[in-house]
């Protein structure tokens, strides 16, 4: 049985999956911090599903891109569980997991997460012969650039993720091939992380519990600010 965590955005989601069967899932979309919700919900899901944590055979965790703080909390929790229970851990790319939850064989699927200052984390995927395939790796681009790229795709393009919700009015105001995913698909779900993680583990993938790190893509604002200050100091 696989426990999966997704805290890459404001959504807090955990799931239990066994042999491609979703056993239980708790997904909360509120303004509460992951530090308040995550551990109580892990205890709740074991209790409600009547599962002992000793039955876990692996932990899957969404590793980004996304919220720097959320990713750190989710990964620290997943690593602690994997280490304490001596079970394997596997990191699952956040944008891939989002796209995995949207089965639309004839469309480009574009997860969009807020990267601040008008930018988004964007990935491009499509379904090919029953498998989700990446068309373009995750990148940081201005939202308008991401939208223009999808309009030029020449086929239906489905957008999902918190940035898609943020810019919903703009997406819906233009007549184009770009479609906002429905509410049940638009935000992250740990069930997708769990199933992808289970497949990776079945393929023999194992991440190092000590060295697995979030996939940030860009540096934090604090790091960028420190670098600018350092550069000014060097010029003095």
Protein backbone atom coordinates (compact mmCIF):
# COMPACT_ATOMS: atom_id res chain seq x y z
CA UNK A 1 0.00 0.00 0.00
CA UNK A 2 1.29 3.45 -0.99
CA UNK A 3 0.80 6.66 0.97
CA UNK A 4 1.00 9.80 -1.18
CA UNK A 5 1.34 13.45 -0.17
CA UNK A 6 0.78 16.56 -2.28
CA UNK A 7 1.49 19.91 -0.62
CA UNK A 8 2.92 21.73 -3.64
CA UNK A 9 0.13 24.34 -3.60
CA UNK A 10 -2.38 25.67 -1.10
CA UNK A 11 -4.25 22.37 -1.53
CA UNK A 12 -3.39 19.74 1.08
CA UNK A 13 -4.00 16.23 -0.25
CA UNK A 14 -3.09 12.76 0.97
CA UNK A 15 -4.12 9.38 -0.40
CA UNK A 16 -3.77 5.65 0.11
CA UNK A 17 -3.58 3.41 -2.95
CA UNK A 18 -3.25 -0.36 -3.18
CA UNK A 19 -2.79 -2.17 -6.52
CA UNK A 20 -4.25 0.67 -8.60
CA UNK A 21 -7.22 0.94 -6.22
CA UNK A 22 -7.84 4.21 -4.42
CA UNK A 23 -8.43 3.21 -0.81
CA UNK A 24 -8.86 6.68 0.70
CA UNK A 25 -8.15 10.32 -0.02
CA UNK A 26 -8.38 13.57 1.95
CA UNK A 27 -8.13 16.78 -0.08
CA UNK A 28 -8.63 20.20 1.50
CA UNK A 29 -8.54 23.51 -0.39
CA UNK A 30 -8.34 26.16 2.33
CA UNK A 31 -6.00 28.88 3.54
CA UNK A 32 -4.77 26.79 6.45
CA UNK A 33 -1.06 26.01 6.57
CA UNK A 34 0.17 22.52 5.71
CA UNK A 35 1.90 22.46 9.08
CA UNK A 36 -1.58 22.56 10.67
CA UNK A 37 -3.27 20.00 8.44
CA UNK A 38 -0.83 17.41 7.19
CA UNK A 39 -0.02 15.28 10.24
CA UNK A 40 -3.61 15.26 11.61
CA UNK A 41 -4.89 14.21 8.18
CA UNK A 42 -2.35 11.40 7.94
CA UNK A 43 -3.58 10.10 11.29
CA UNK A 44 -7.19 10.52 10.10
CA UNK A 45 -6.71 8.64 6.83
CA UNK A 46 -5.18 5.63 8.58
CA UNK A 47 -8.00 5.63 11.12
CA UNK A 48 -10.83 6.09 8.63
CA UNK A 49 -9.44 3.52 6.18
CA UNK A 50 -8.67 1.15 9.08
CA UNK A 51 -5.09 0.78 7.88
CA UNK A 52 -2.04 0.36 10.07
CA UNK A 53 0.96 2.39 8.95
CA UNK A 54 2.97 -0.82 9.23
CA UNK A 55 1.12 -2.03 6.11
CA UNK A 56 2.71 0.69 3.97
CA UNK A 57 5.14 -0.50 1.32
CA UNK A 58 6.16 2.93 0.02
CA UNK A 59 5.68 6.68 0.16
CA UNK A 60 5.15 8.92 -2.86
CA UNK A 61 5.47 12.68 -2.60
CA UNK A 62 4.88 15.56 -4.98
CA UNK A 63 8.29 17.24 -5.40
CA UNK A 64 7.48 20.34 -7.41
CA UNK A 65 7.57 22.83 -8.82
CA UNK A 66 5.26 24.74 -6.55
CA UNK A 67 5.20 26.53 -3.22
CA UNK A 68 8.67 26.44 -1.67
CA UNK A 69 7.31 26.12 1.88
CA UNK A 70 4.63 23.59 0.96
CA UNK A 71 7.12 21.39 -0.88
CA UNK A 72 9.53 21.41 2.04
CA UNK A 73 6.80 20.43 4.53
CA UNK A 74 5.50 17.61 2.35
CA UNK A 75 8.93 16.23 1.55
CA UNK A 76 10.15 16.42 5.16
CA UNK A 77 7.05 14.51 6.29
CA UNK A 78 7.37 11.88 3.56
CA UNK A 79 11.07 11.36 4.27
CA UNK A 80 10.44 11.02 8.00
CA UNK A 81 7.79 8.34 7.40
CA UNK A 82 9.94 6.45 4.89
CA UNK A 83 12.95 6.52 7.20
CA UNK A 84 11.00 5.54 10.33
CA UNK A 85 9.21 2.67 8.60
CA UNK A 86 12.21 1.57 6.49
CA UNK A 87 10.18 1.73 3.27
CA UNK A 88 11.10 3.23 -0.12
CA UNK A 89 10.28 6.78 -1.11
CA UNK A 90 9.74 8.15 -4.60
CA UNK A 91 9.36 11.74 -5.78
CA UNK A 92 6.67 12.49 -8.36
CA UNK A 93 6.79 15.67 -10.49
CA UNK A 94 3.90 17.94 -9.52
CA UNK A 95 2.93 19.06 -13.03
CA UNK A 96 2.98 15.50 -14.35
CA UNK A 97 0.68 14.38 -11.54
CA UNK A 98 -1.72 17.21 -12.32
CA UNK A 99 -1.80 16.29 -16.01
CA UNK A 100 -2.23 12.60 -15.15
CA UNK A 101 -5.59 13.39 -13.58
CA UNK A 102 -6.94 14.80 -16.84
CA UNK A 103 -7.70 12.06 -19.34
CA UNK A 104 -8.21 13.92 -22.64
CA UNK A 105 -6.57 11.93 -25.47
CA UNK A 106 -6.99 14.55 -28.21
CA UNK A 107 -5.88 17.60 -26.25
CA UNK A 108 -2.74 19.30 -25.05
CA UNK A 109 -2.81 19.28 -21.25
CA UNK A 110 -1.11 22.23 -19.59
CA UNK A 111 -0.80 22.40 -15.81
CA UNK A 112 -0.15 25.98 -14.66
CA UNK A 113 1.01 26.81 -11.14
CA UNK A 114 1.60 30.26 -9.72
CA UNK A 115 5.27 31.27 -9.86
CA UNK A 116 4.54 34.83 -8.65
CA UNK A 117 5.02 38.22 -10.35
CA UNK A 118 2.81 37.26 -13.27
CA UNK A 119 4.78 34.10 -14.01
CA UNK A 120 3.62 30.48 -14.05
CA UNK A 121 5.20 27.06 -13.89
CA UNK A 122 4.02 25.36 -17.06
CA UNK A 123 4.33 21.85 -18.44
CA UNK A 124 2.87 20.48 -21.67
CA UNK A 125 1.61 16.89 -21.92
CA UNK A 126 -0.63 14.70 -24.04
CA UNK A 127 -1.97 11.16 -23.98
CA UNK A 128 -0.43 8.82 -26.52
CA UNK A 129 -1.45 5.15 -26.77
CA UNK A 130 -2.82 5.24 -23.24
CA UNK A 131 0.30 6.79 -21.69
CA UNK A 132 0.88 10.37 -20.56
CA UNK A 133 3.79 11.85 -22.50
CA UNK A 134 5.63 15.14 -21.94
CA UNK A 135 5.64 17.52 -24.90
CA UNK A 136 7.77 20.12 -23.12
CA UNK A 137 9.52 19.98 -19.75
CA UNK A 138 8.41 22.27 -16.90
CA UNK A 139 9.46 25.88 -17.31
CA UNK A 140 8.83 29.31 -15.79
CA UNK A 141 7.18 31.74 -18.21
CA UNK A 142 4.90 34.79 -18.04
CA UNK A 143 1.25 33.75 -18.03
CA UNK A 144 0.57 35.62 -21.28
CA UNK A 145 3.38 33.68 -22.96
CA UNK A 146 1.98 30.39 -21.69
CA UNK A 147 -1.49 31.28 -22.95
CA UNK A 148 -0.24 32.38 -26.38
CA UNK A 149 1.69 29.14 -26.72
CA UNK A 150 -1.47 27.13 -26.07
CA UNK A 151 -3.54 29.18 -28.49
CA UNK A 152 -0.94 28.40 -31.17
CA UNK A 153 -1.11 24.66 -30.41
CA UNK A 154 -3.67 24.07 -33.15
CA UNK A 155 -5.82 21.69 -31.09
CA UNK A 156 -7.82 21.77 -27.85
CA UNK A 157 -5.69 22.75 -24.86
CA UNK A 158 -6.86 22.11 -21.30
CA UNK A 159 -5.36 24.22 -18.49
CA UNK A 160 -5.42 23.23 -14.85
CA UNK A 161 -3.68 24.15 -11.61
CA UNK A 162 -3.91 27.11 -9.24
CA UNK A 163 -2.70 29.61 -11.85
CA UNK A 164 -5.44 28.45 -14.21
CA UNK A 165 -7.92 29.31 -11.45
CA UNK A 166 -6.21 32.66 -10.82
CA UNK A 167 -6.48 33.62 -14.48
CA UNK A 168 -9.85 31.95 -15.12
CA UNK A 169 -11.57 35.20 -16.10
CA UNK A 170 -8.94 35.94 -18.70
CA UNK A 171 -8.98 32.38 -20.06
CA UNK A 172 -12.77 32.36 -20.30
CA UNK A 173 -12.98 35.84 -21.83
CA UNK A 174 -11.28 34.89 -25.08
CA UNK A 175 -12.66 32.68 -27.80
CA UNK A 176 -9.96 30.12 -28.42
CA UNK A 177 -9.04 26.47 -28.18
CA UNK A 178 -7.98 26.89 -24.53
CA UNK A 179 -10.36 25.29 -22.01
CA UNK A 180 -10.33 25.55 -18.22
CA UNK A 181 -10.51 22.11 -16.59
CA UNK A 182 -13.60 21.38 -14.47
CA UNK A 183 -13.38 21.85 -10.67
CA UNK A 184 -12.78 18.16 -9.92
CA UNK A 185 -9.70 18.14 -12.17
CA UNK A 186 -8.32 21.66 -11.89
CA UNK A 187 -6.46 21.29 -8.57
CA UNK A 188 -3.91 18.72 -7.32
CA UNK A 189 -5.00 15.37 -5.91
CA UNK A 190 -2.73 13.00 -4.03
CA UNK A 191 -4.46 10.04 -5.73
CA UNK A 192 -2.61 10.94 -8.94
CA UNK A 193 0.69 11.15 -7.06
CA UNK A 194 -0.03 7.77 -5.46
CA UNK A 195 -0.76 5.94 -8.71
CA UNK A 196 2.24 7.45 -10.51
CA UNK A 197 4.42 6.70 -7.48
CA UNK A 198 3.19 3.12 -7.37
CA UNK A 199 4.10 2.66 -11.03
CA UNK A 200 7.58 4.11 -10.48
CA UNK A 201 8.18 1.83 -7.50
CA UNK A 202 7.00 -1.17 -9.55
CA UNK A 203 9.59 -0.21 -12.17
CA UNK A 204 12.31 -0.34 -9.52
CA UNK A 205 12.63 3.40 -8.96
CA UNK A 206 13.81 4.35 -5.49
CA UNK A 207 14.91 7.80 -4.33
CA UNK A 208 17.43 8.32 -1.56
CA UNK A 209 15.57 9.30 1.60
CA UNK A 210 18.51 11.46 2.69
CA UNK A 211 19.23 13.32 -0.54
CA UNK A 212 15.82 13.67 -2.26
CA UNK A 213 15.14 17.39 -2.75
CA UNK A 214 12.25 19.48 -4.07
CA UNK A 215 12.27 20.40 -7.76
CA UNK A 216 12.03 24.18 -7.50
CA UNK A 217 13.07 25.18 -11.08
CA UNK A 218 13.74 28.73 -9.91
CA UNK A 219 15.41 30.21 -6.85
CA UNK A 220 13.41 31.65 -3.99
CA UNK A 221 12.95 35.41 -3.63
CA UNK A 222 15.14 35.31 -0.52
CA UNK A 223 17.99 33.74 -2.52
CA UNK A 224 17.60 36.28 -5.33
CA UNK A 225 17.54 39.16 -2.83
CA UNK A 226 20.68 37.85 -1.11
CA UNK A 227 22.46 37.57 -4.46
CA UNK A 228 21.56 41.17 -5.39
CA UNK A 229 22.76 42.45 -2.02
CA UNK A 230 25.97 40.42 -2.33
CA UNK A 231 26.60 41.87 -5.78
CA UNK A 232 26.18 45.41 -4.43
CA UNK A 233 28.58 44.65 -1.58
CA UNK A 234 31.15 43.28 -4.03
CA UNK A 235 31.03 46.52 -6.01
CA UNK A 236 31.79 48.64 -2.93
